Full PDB file with SEQRES, HELIX, SHEET, SSBOND, CRYST1, ORIGX, SCALE, CONECT and MASTER records, all heavy atoms in Angstrom:
SEQRES   1 A   32  ALA PRO LEU PHE GLU LYS ALA SER GLY HIS THR LEU ARG          
SEQRES   2 A   32  PHE ASN PHE GLY GLY SER GLY THR LEU ALA ARG GLN ILE          
SEQRES   3 A   32  LYS GLU GLY ALA PRO ALA                                      
HELIX    1 AA1 PRO A    2  SER A    8  1                                   7    
HELIX    2 AA2 SER A   19  LYS A   27  1                                   9    
CRYST1    1.000    1.000    1.000  90.00  90.00  90.00 P 1           1          
ORIGX1      1.000000  0.000000  0.000000        0.00000                         
ORIGX2      0.000000  1.000000  0.000000        0.00000                         
ORIGX3      0.000000  0.000000  1.000000        0.00000                         
SCALE1      1.000000  0.000000  0.000000        0.00000                         
SCALE2      0.000000  1.000000  0.000000        0.00000                         
SCALE3      0.000000  0.000000  1.000000        0.00000                         
ATOM      1  N   ALA A   1     -22.055  88.803  18.686  1.00  0.00           N  
ATOM      2  CA  ALA A   1     -21.366  89.859  19.380  1.00  0.00           C  
ATOM      3  C   ALA A   1     -21.884  90.113  20.815  1.00  0.00           C  
ATOM      4  O   ALA A   1     -21.127  90.197  21.742  1.00  0.00           O  
ATOM      5  CB  ALA A   1     -21.402  91.120  18.583  1.00  0.00           C  
ATOM      6  N   PRO A   2     -23.175  90.185  21.038  1.00  0.00           N  
ATOM      7  CA  PRO A   2     -23.678  90.376  22.395  1.00  0.00           C  
ATOM      8  C   PRO A   2     -23.237  89.270  23.317  1.00  0.00           C  
ATOM      9  O   PRO A   2     -23.048  89.607  24.588  1.00  0.00           O  
ATOM     10  CB  PRO A   2     -25.156  90.473  22.197  1.00  0.00           C  
ATOM     11  CG  PRO A   2     -25.415  90.884  20.869  1.00  0.00           C  
ATOM     12  CD  PRO A   2     -24.296  90.122  20.045  1.00  0.00           C  
ATOM     13  N   LEU A   3     -23.036  88.098  22.889  1.00  0.00           N  
ATOM     14  CA  LEU A   3     -22.685  87.012  23.749  1.00  0.00           C  
ATOM     15  C   LEU A   3     -21.270  87.223  24.286  1.00  0.00           C  
ATOM     16  O   LEU A   3     -20.932  87.143  25.473  1.00  0.00           O  
ATOM     17  CB  LEU A   3     -22.753  85.627  22.970  1.00  0.00           C  
ATOM     18  CG  LEU A   3     -24.153  85.278  22.523  1.00  0.00           C  
ATOM     19  CD1 LEU A   3     -24.060  83.970  21.692  1.00  0.00           C  
ATOM     20  CD2 LEU A   3     -25.099  85.207  23.675  1.00  0.00           C  
ATOM     21  N   PHE A   4     -20.347  87.580  23.327  1.00  0.00           N  
ATOM     22  CA  PHE A   4     -18.989  87.871  23.715  1.00  0.00           C  
ATOM     23  C   PHE A   4     -18.971  89.092  24.672  1.00  0.00           C  
ATOM     24  O   PHE A   4     -18.166  89.186  25.643  1.00  0.00           O  
ATOM     25  CB  PHE A   4     -18.063  88.101  22.580  1.00  0.00           C  
ATOM     26  CG  PHE A   4     -16.736  88.630  22.900  1.00  0.00           C  
ATOM     27  CD1 PHE A   4     -15.743  87.733  23.397  1.00  0.00           C  
ATOM     28  CD2 PHE A   4     -16.425  89.951  22.705  1.00  0.00           C  
ATOM     29  CE1 PHE A   4     -14.479  88.211  23.772  1.00  0.00           C  
ATOM     30  CE2 PHE A   4     -15.115  90.424  23.089  1.00  0.00           C  
ATOM     31  CZ  PHE A   4     -14.154  89.587  23.612  1.00  0.00           C  
ATOM     32  N   GLU A   5     -19.716  90.159  24.281  1.00  0.00           N  
ATOM     33  CA  GLU A   5     -19.685  91.426  25.089  1.00  0.00           C  
ATOM     34  C   GLU A   5     -20.098  91.182  26.494  1.00  0.00           C  
ATOM     35  O   GLU A   5     -19.615  91.711  27.512  1.00  0.00           O  
ATOM     36  CB  GLU A   5     -20.522  92.444  24.348  1.00  0.00           C  
ATOM     37  CG  GLU A   5     -19.908  92.912  23.044  1.00  0.00           C  
ATOM     38  CD  GLU A   5     -20.722  93.819  22.241  1.00  0.00           C  
ATOM     39  OE1 GLU A   5     -21.941  93.867  22.486  1.00  0.00           O  
ATOM     40  OE2 GLU A   5     -20.241  94.485  21.284  1.00  0.00           O  
ATOM     41  N   LYS A   6     -21.137  90.365  26.650  1.00  0.00           N  
ATOM     42  CA  LYS A   6     -21.651  90.055  27.925  1.00  0.00           C  
ATOM     43  C   LYS A   6     -20.686  89.263  28.818  1.00  0.00           C  
ATOM     44  O   LYS A   6     -20.498  89.524  30.016  1.00  0.00           O  
ATOM     45  CB  LYS A   6     -23.014  89.301  27.870  1.00  0.00           C  
ATOM     46  CG  LYS A   6     -23.716  88.981  29.258  1.00  0.00           C  
ATOM     47  CD  LYS A   6     -24.979  88.237  29.046  1.00  0.00           C  
ATOM     48  CE  LYS A   6     -25.584  88.009  30.413  1.00  0.00           C  
ATOM     49  NZ  LYS A   6     -26.923  87.355  30.267  1.00  0.00           N  
ATOM     50  N   ALA A   7     -19.981  88.300  28.194  1.00  0.00           N  
ATOM     51  CA  ALA A   7     -19.055  87.512  28.892  1.00  0.00           C  
ATOM     52  C   ALA A   7     -17.720  88.164  29.312  1.00  0.00           C  
ATOM     53  O   ALA A   7     -17.208  87.954  30.313  1.00  0.00           O  
ATOM     54  CB  ALA A   7     -18.691  86.191  28.010  1.00  0.00           C  
ATOM     55  N   SER A   8     -17.304  89.082  28.393  1.00  0.00           N  
ATOM     56  CA  SER A   8     -15.973  89.730  28.574  1.00  0.00           C  
ATOM     57  C   SER A   8     -15.974  91.103  29.103  1.00  0.00           C  
ATOM     58  O   SER A   8     -14.992  91.566  29.738  1.00  0.00           O  
ATOM     59  CB  SER A   8     -15.282  89.759  27.300  1.00  0.00           C  
ATOM     60  OG  SER A   8     -15.840  90.619  26.270  1.00  0.00           O  
ATOM     61  N   GLY A   9     -17.117  91.930  28.929  1.00  0.00           N  
ATOM     62  CA  GLY A   9     -17.119  93.317  29.300  1.00  0.00           C  
ATOM     63  C   GLY A   9     -16.615  94.195  28.197  1.00  0.00           C  
ATOM     64  O   GLY A   9     -16.611  95.461  28.328  1.00  0.00           O  
ATOM     65  N   HIS A  10     -16.034  93.592  27.147  1.00  0.00           N  
ATOM     66  CA  HIS A  10     -15.566  94.334  26.041  1.00  0.00           C  
ATOM     67  C   HIS A  10     -16.651  94.572  24.984  1.00  0.00           C  
ATOM     68  O   HIS A  10     -17.750  93.895  25.015  1.00  0.00           O  
ATOM     69  CB  HIS A  10     -14.418  93.661  25.335  1.00  0.00           C  
ATOM     70  CG  HIS A  10     -13.248  93.385  26.303  1.00  0.00           C  
ATOM     71  ND1 HIS A  10     -12.665  94.278  26.904  1.00  0.00           N  
ATOM     72  CD2 HIS A  10     -12.685  92.120  26.607  1.00  0.00           C  
ATOM     73  CE1 HIS A  10     -11.653  93.841  27.728  1.00  0.00           C  
ATOM     74  NE2 HIS A  10     -11.681  92.441  27.494  1.00  0.00           N  
ATOM     75  N   THR A  11     -16.507  95.514  24.172  1.00  0.00           N  
ATOM     76  CA  THR A  11     -17.367  95.788  23.058  1.00  0.00           C  
ATOM     77  C   THR A  11     -16.700  95.514  21.784  1.00  0.00           C  
ATOM     78  O   THR A  11     -15.440  95.584  21.647  1.00  0.00           O  
ATOM     79  CB  THR A  11     -17.923  97.166  23.046  1.00  0.00           C  
ATOM     80  OG1 THR A  11     -16.852  98.066  22.886  1.00  0.00           O  
ATOM     81  CG2 THR A  11     -18.734  97.512  24.325  1.00  0.00           C  
ATOM     82  N   LEU A  12     -17.471  95.211  20.672  1.00  0.00           N  
ATOM     83  CA  LEU A  12     -17.009  94.870  19.382  1.00  0.00           C  
ATOM     84  C   LEU A  12     -17.468  95.888  18.323  1.00  0.00           C  
ATOM     85  O   LEU A  12     -18.647  96.320  18.373  1.00  0.00           O  
ATOM     86  CB  LEU A  12     -17.445  93.534  18.969  1.00  0.00           C  
ATOM     87  CG  LEU A  12     -16.974  92.296  19.710  1.00  0.00           C  
ATOM     88  CD1 LEU A  12     -17.753  90.983  19.370  1.00  0.00           C  
ATOM     89  CD2 LEU A  12     -15.485  92.125  19.632  1.00  0.00           C  
ATOM     90  N   ARG A  13     -16.581  96.281  17.449  1.00  0.00           N  
ATOM     91  CA  ARG A  13     -16.845  97.130  16.349  1.00  0.00           C  
ATOM     92  C   ARG A  13     -16.429  96.511  15.116  1.00  0.00           C  
ATOM     93  O   ARG A  13     -15.196  96.151  14.965  1.00  0.00           O  
ATOM     94  CB  ARG A  13     -16.128  98.534  16.579  1.00  0.00           C  
ATOM     95  CG  ARG A  13     -16.314  99.510  15.424  1.00  0.00           C  
ATOM     96  CD  ARG A  13     -15.729 100.855  15.881  1.00  0.00           C  
ATOM     97  NE  ARG A  13     -15.826 101.840  14.767  1.00  0.00           N  
ATOM     98  CZ  ARG A  13     -14.880 102.024  13.803  1.00  0.00           C  
ATOM     99  NH1 ARG A  13     -13.782 101.269  13.823  1.00  0.00           N  
ATOM    100  NH2 ARG A  13     -15.003 102.887  12.806  1.00  0.00           N  
ATOM    101  N   PHE A  14     -17.352  96.324  14.187  1.00  0.00           N  
ATOM    102  CA  PHE A  14     -17.018  95.540  12.909  1.00  0.00           C  
ATOM    103  C   PHE A  14     -16.891  96.494  11.706  1.00  0.00           C  
ATOM    104  O   PHE A  14     -17.566  97.526  11.517  1.00  0.00           O  
ATOM    105  CB  PHE A  14     -18.173  94.606  12.666  1.00  0.00           C  
ATOM    106  CG  PHE A  14     -18.249  93.585  13.702  1.00  0.00           C  
ATOM    107  CD1 PHE A  14     -19.365  93.475  14.523  1.00  0.00           C  
ATOM    108  CD2 PHE A  14     -17.275  92.496  13.836  1.00  0.00           C  
ATOM    109  CE1 PHE A  14     -19.455  92.542  15.536  1.00  0.00           C  
ATOM    110  CE2 PHE A  14     -17.354  91.544  14.738  1.00  0.00           C  
ATOM    111  CZ  PHE A  14     -18.463  91.539  15.645  1.00  0.00           C  
ATOM    112  N   ASN A  15     -16.110  96.003  10.790  1.00  0.00           N  
ATOM    113  CA  ASN A  15     -16.011  96.528   9.431  1.00  0.00           C  
ATOM    114  C   ASN A  15     -15.937  95.361   8.560  1.00  0.00           C  
ATOM    115  O   ASN A  15     -14.956  94.629   8.592  1.00  0.00           O  
ATOM    116  CB  ASN A  15     -14.770  97.398   9.262  1.00  0.00           C  
ATOM    117  CG  ASN A  15     -14.652  97.998   7.816  1.00  0.00           C  
ATOM    118  OD1 ASN A  15     -15.581  97.919   7.059  1.00  0.00           O  
ATOM    119  ND2 ASN A  15     -13.499  98.560   7.532  1.00  0.00           N  
ATOM    120  N   PHE A  16     -17.086  95.149   7.697  1.00  0.00           N  
ATOM    121  CA  PHE A  16     -17.094  93.986   6.807  1.00  0.00           C  
ATOM    122  C   PHE A  16     -16.824  94.444   5.408  1.00  0.00           C  
ATOM    123  O   PHE A  16     -17.182  95.535   4.965  1.00  0.00           O  
ATOM    124  CB  PHE A  16     -18.442  93.412   6.897  1.00  0.00           C  
ATOM    125  CG  PHE A  16     -18.865  92.868   8.270  1.00  0.00           C  
ATOM    126  CD1 PHE A  16     -19.778  93.615   9.037  1.00  0.00           C  
ATOM    127  CD2 PHE A  16     -18.328  91.714   8.747  1.00  0.00           C  
ATOM    128  CE1 PHE A  16     -20.037  93.063  10.369  1.00  0.00           C  
ATOM    129  CE2 PHE A  16     -18.615  91.237   9.990  1.00  0.00           C  
ATOM    130  CZ  PHE A  16     -19.569  91.864  10.813  1.00  0.00           C  
ATOM    131  N   GLY A  17     -16.217  93.538   4.609  1.00  0.00           N  
ATOM    132  CA  GLY A  17     -15.990  93.764   3.192  1.00  0.00           C  
ATOM    133  C   GLY A  17     -15.272  92.588   2.611  1.00  0.00           C  
ATOM    134  O   GLY A  17     -15.076  91.520   3.086  1.00  0.00           O  
ATOM    135  N   GLY A  18     -14.879  92.760   1.302  1.00  0.00           N  
ATOM    136  CA  GLY A  18     -14.068  91.755   0.690  1.00  0.00           C  
ATOM    137  C   GLY A  18     -12.731  91.546   1.415  1.00  0.00           C  
ATOM    138  O   GLY A  18     -12.056  92.588   1.790  1.00  0.00           O  
ATOM    139  N   SER A  19     -12.311  90.374   1.592  1.00  0.00           N  
ATOM    140  CA  SER A  19     -11.010  90.022   2.369  1.00  0.00           C  
ATOM    141  C   SER A  19      -9.800  90.872   1.739  1.00  0.00           C  
ATOM    142  O   SER A  19      -9.013  91.319   2.424  1.00  0.00           O  
ATOM    143  CB  SER A  19     -10.770  88.609   2.431  1.00  0.00           C  
ATOM    144  OG  SER A  19     -11.775  87.955   3.223  1.00  0.00           O  
ATOM    145  N   GLY A  20      -9.738  90.882   0.454  1.00  0.00           N  
ATOM    146  CA  GLY A  20      -8.660  91.554  -0.254  1.00  0.00           C  
ATOM    147  C   GLY A  20      -8.679  93.090   0.021  1.00  0.00           C  
ATOM    148  O   GLY A  20      -7.604  93.726   0.225  1.00  0.00           O  
ATOM    149  N   THR A  21      -9.898  93.606  -0.035  1.00  0.00           N  
ATOM    150  CA  THR A  21      -9.977  95.056   0.257  1.00  0.00           C  
ATOM    151  C   THR A  21      -9.583  95.376   1.699  1.00  0.00           C  
ATOM    152  O   THR A  21      -9.008  96.406   2.001  1.00  0.00           O  
ATOM    153  CB  THR A  21     -11.464  95.520   0.006  1.00  0.00           C  
ATOM    154  OG1 THR A  21     -11.828  95.252  -1.322  1.00  0.00           O  
ATOM    155  CG2 THR A  21     -11.723  96.953   0.271  1.00  0.00           C  
ATOM    156  N   LEU A  22     -10.025  94.560   2.636  1.00  0.00           N  
ATOM    157  CA  LEU A  22      -9.732  94.839   4.039  1.00  0.00           C  
ATOM    158  C   LEU A  22      -8.188  94.639   4.263  1.00  0.00           C  
ATOM    159  O   LEU A  22      -7.624  95.364   5.054  1.00  0.00           O  
ATOM    160  CB  LEU A  22     -10.526  93.797   4.921  1.00  0.00           C  
ATOM    161  CG  LEU A  22     -12.035  93.951   4.965  1.00  0.00           C  
ATOM    162  CD1 LEU A  22     -12.662  92.811   5.779  1.00  0.00           C  
ATOM    163  CD2 LEU A  22     -12.468  95.304   5.389  1.00  0.00           C  
ATOM    164  N   ALA A  23      -7.522  93.588   3.632  1.00  0.00           N  
ATOM    165  CA  ALA A  23      -6.183  93.478   3.803  1.00  0.00           C  
ATOM    166  C   ALA A  23      -5.435  94.674   3.230  1.00  0.00           C  
ATOM    167  O   ALA A  23      -4.419  95.108   3.878  1.00  0.00           O  
ATOM    168  CB  ALA A  23      -5.738  92.193   3.033  1.00  0.00           C  
ATOM    169  N   ARG A  24      -5.974  95.303   2.158  1.00  0.00           N  
ATOM    170  CA  ARG A  24      -5.301  96.443   1.688  1.00  0.00           C  
ATOM    171  C   ARG A  24      -5.348  97.563   2.657  1.00  0.00           C  
ATOM    172  O   ARG A  24      -4.407  98.333   2.798  1.00  0.00           O  
ATOM    173  CB  ARG A  24      -5.945  96.804   0.243  1.00  0.00           C  
ATOM    174  CG  ARG A  24      -5.165  97.982  -0.385  1.00  0.00           C  
ATOM    175  CD  ARG A  24      -5.750  98.360  -1.724  1.00  0.00           C  
ATOM    176  NE  ARG A  24      -7.146  98.940  -1.552  1.00  0.00           N  
ATOM    177  CZ  ARG A  24      -8.229  98.329  -2.004  1.00  0.00           C  
ATOM    178  NH1 ARG A  24      -8.158  97.175  -2.517  1.00  0.00           N  
ATOM    179  NH2 ARG A  24      -9.397  98.948  -1.795  1.00  0.00           N  
ATOM    180  N   GLN A  25      -6.567  97.721   3.257  1.00  0.00           N  
ATOM    181  CA  GLN A  25      -6.769  98.773   4.212  1.00  0.00           C  
ATOM    182  C   GLN A  25      -5.860  98.639   5.403  1.00  0.00           C  
ATOM    183  O   GLN A  25      -5.298  99.660   5.884  1.00  0.00           O  
ATOM    184  CB  GLN A  25      -8.291  98.781   4.672  1.00  0.00           C  
ATOM    185  CG  GLN A  25      -9.295  99.217   3.622  1.00  0.00           C  
ATOM    186  CD  GLN A  25     -10.694  99.042   4.080  1.00  0.00           C  
ATOM    187  OE1 GLN A  25     -10.959  98.670   5.213  1.00  0.00           O  
ATOM    188  NE2 GLN A  25     -11.654  99.343   3.194  1.00  0.00           N  
ATOM    189  N   ILE A  26      -5.637  97.411   5.755  1.00  0.00           N  
ATOM    190  CA  ILE A  26      -4.718  97.157   6.925  1.00  0.00           C  
ATOM    191  C   ILE A  26      -3.275  97.583   6.498  1.00  0.00           C  
ATOM    192  O   ILE A  26      -2.496  98.234   7.302  1.00  0.00           O  
ATOM    193  CB  ILE A  26      -4.699  95.737   7.359  1.00  0.00           C  
ATOM    194  CG1 ILE A  26      -6.054  95.396   8.007  1.00  0.00           C  
ATOM    195  CG2 ILE A  26      -3.593  95.362   8.268  1.00  0.00           C  
ATOM    196  CD1 ILE A  26      -6.239  93.914   8.278  1.00  0.00           C  
ATOM    197  N   LYS A  27      -2.943  97.235   5.281  1.00  0.00           N  
ATOM    198  CA  LYS A  27      -1.536  97.592   4.759  1.00  0.00           C  
ATOM    199  C   LYS A  27      -1.318  99.182   4.759  1.00  0.00           C  
ATOM    200  O   LYS A  27      -0.342  99.731   4.958  1.00  0.00           O  
ATOM    201  CB  LYS A  27      -1.309  97.050   3.423  1.00  0.00           C  
ATOM    202  CG  LYS A  27      -1.101  95.488   3.391  1.00  0.00           C  
ATOM    203  CD  LYS A  27      -0.929  95.032   2.012  1.00  0.00           C  
ATOM    204  CE  LYS A  27      -0.690  93.561   1.957  1.00  0.00           C  
ATOM    205  NZ  LYS A  27      -0.579  93.055   0.549  1.00  0.00           N  
ATOM    206  N   GLU A  28      -2.481  99.845   4.550  1.00  0.00           N  
ATOM    207  CA  GLU A  28      -2.490 101.289   4.366  1.00  0.00           C  
ATOM    208  C   GLU A  28      -2.641 102.015   5.737  1.00  0.00           C  
ATOM    209  O   GLU A  28      -2.641 103.130   5.842  1.00  0.00           O  
ATOM    210  CB  GLU A  28      -3.641 101.765   3.462  1.00  0.00           C  
ATOM    211  CG  GLU A  28      -3.339 101.345   2.043  1.00  0.00           C  
ATOM    212  CD  GLU A  28      -4.541 101.587   1.098  1.00  0.00           C  
ATOM    213  OE1 GLU A  28      -5.635 102.003   1.645  1.00  0.00           O  
ATOM    214  OE2 GLU A  28      -4.500 101.471  -0.156  1.00  0.00           O  
ATOM    215  N   GLY A  29      -2.762 101.166   6.781  1.00  0.00           N  
ATOM    216  CA  GLY A  29      -2.756 101.778   8.150  1.00  0.00           C  
ATOM    217  C   GLY A  29      -4.053 101.909   8.839  1.00  0.00           C  
ATOM    218  O   GLY A  29      -4.158 102.622   9.850  1.00  0.00           O  
ATOM    219  N   ALA A  30      -5.102 101.293   8.266  1.00  0.00           N  
ATOM    220  CA  ALA A  30      -6.392 101.321   8.936  1.00  0.00           C  
ATOM    221  C   ALA A  30      -6.292 100.756  10.319  1.00  0.00           C  
ATOM    222  O   ALA A  30      -5.846  99.702  10.543  1.00  0.00           O  
ATOM    223  CB  ALA A  30      -7.448 100.547   8.086  1.00  0.00           C  
ATOM    224  N   PRO A  31      -6.865 101.458  11.326  1.00  0.00           N  
ATOM    225  CA  PRO A  31      -6.817 101.046  12.721  1.00  0.00           C  
ATOM    226  C   PRO A  31      -7.652  99.846  12.930  1.00  0.00           C  
ATOM    227  O   PRO A  31      -8.892  99.860  12.570  1.00  0.00           O  
ATOM    228  CB  PRO A  31      -7.249 102.226  13.523  1.00  0.00           C  
ATOM    229  CG  PRO A  31      -8.096 103.016  12.549  1.00  0.00           C  
ATOM    230  CD  PRO A  31      -7.573 102.804  11.210  1.00  0.00           C  
ATOM    231  N   ALA A  32      -7.153  98.745  13.494  1.00  0.00           N  
ATOM    232  CA  ALA A  32      -8.005  97.530  13.761  1.00  0.00           C  
ATOM    233  C   ALA A  32      -7.197  96.581  14.768  1.00  0.00           C  
ATOM    234  O   ALA A  32      -6.003  96.805  14.877  1.00  0.00           O  
ATOM    235  CB  ALA A  32      -8.250  96.749  12.414  1.00  0.00           C  
TER     236      ALA A  32                                                      
MASTER        0    0    0    2    0    0    0    6  235    1    0    3          
END                                                                             
């Protein structure tokens, strides 16, 4: 993450979990 942030000027915010759980969160409207 720090490598990308230094190169682009953007910042990264992560949410890690099981892929199925994350996909369900996206379907339910989780902002990402």
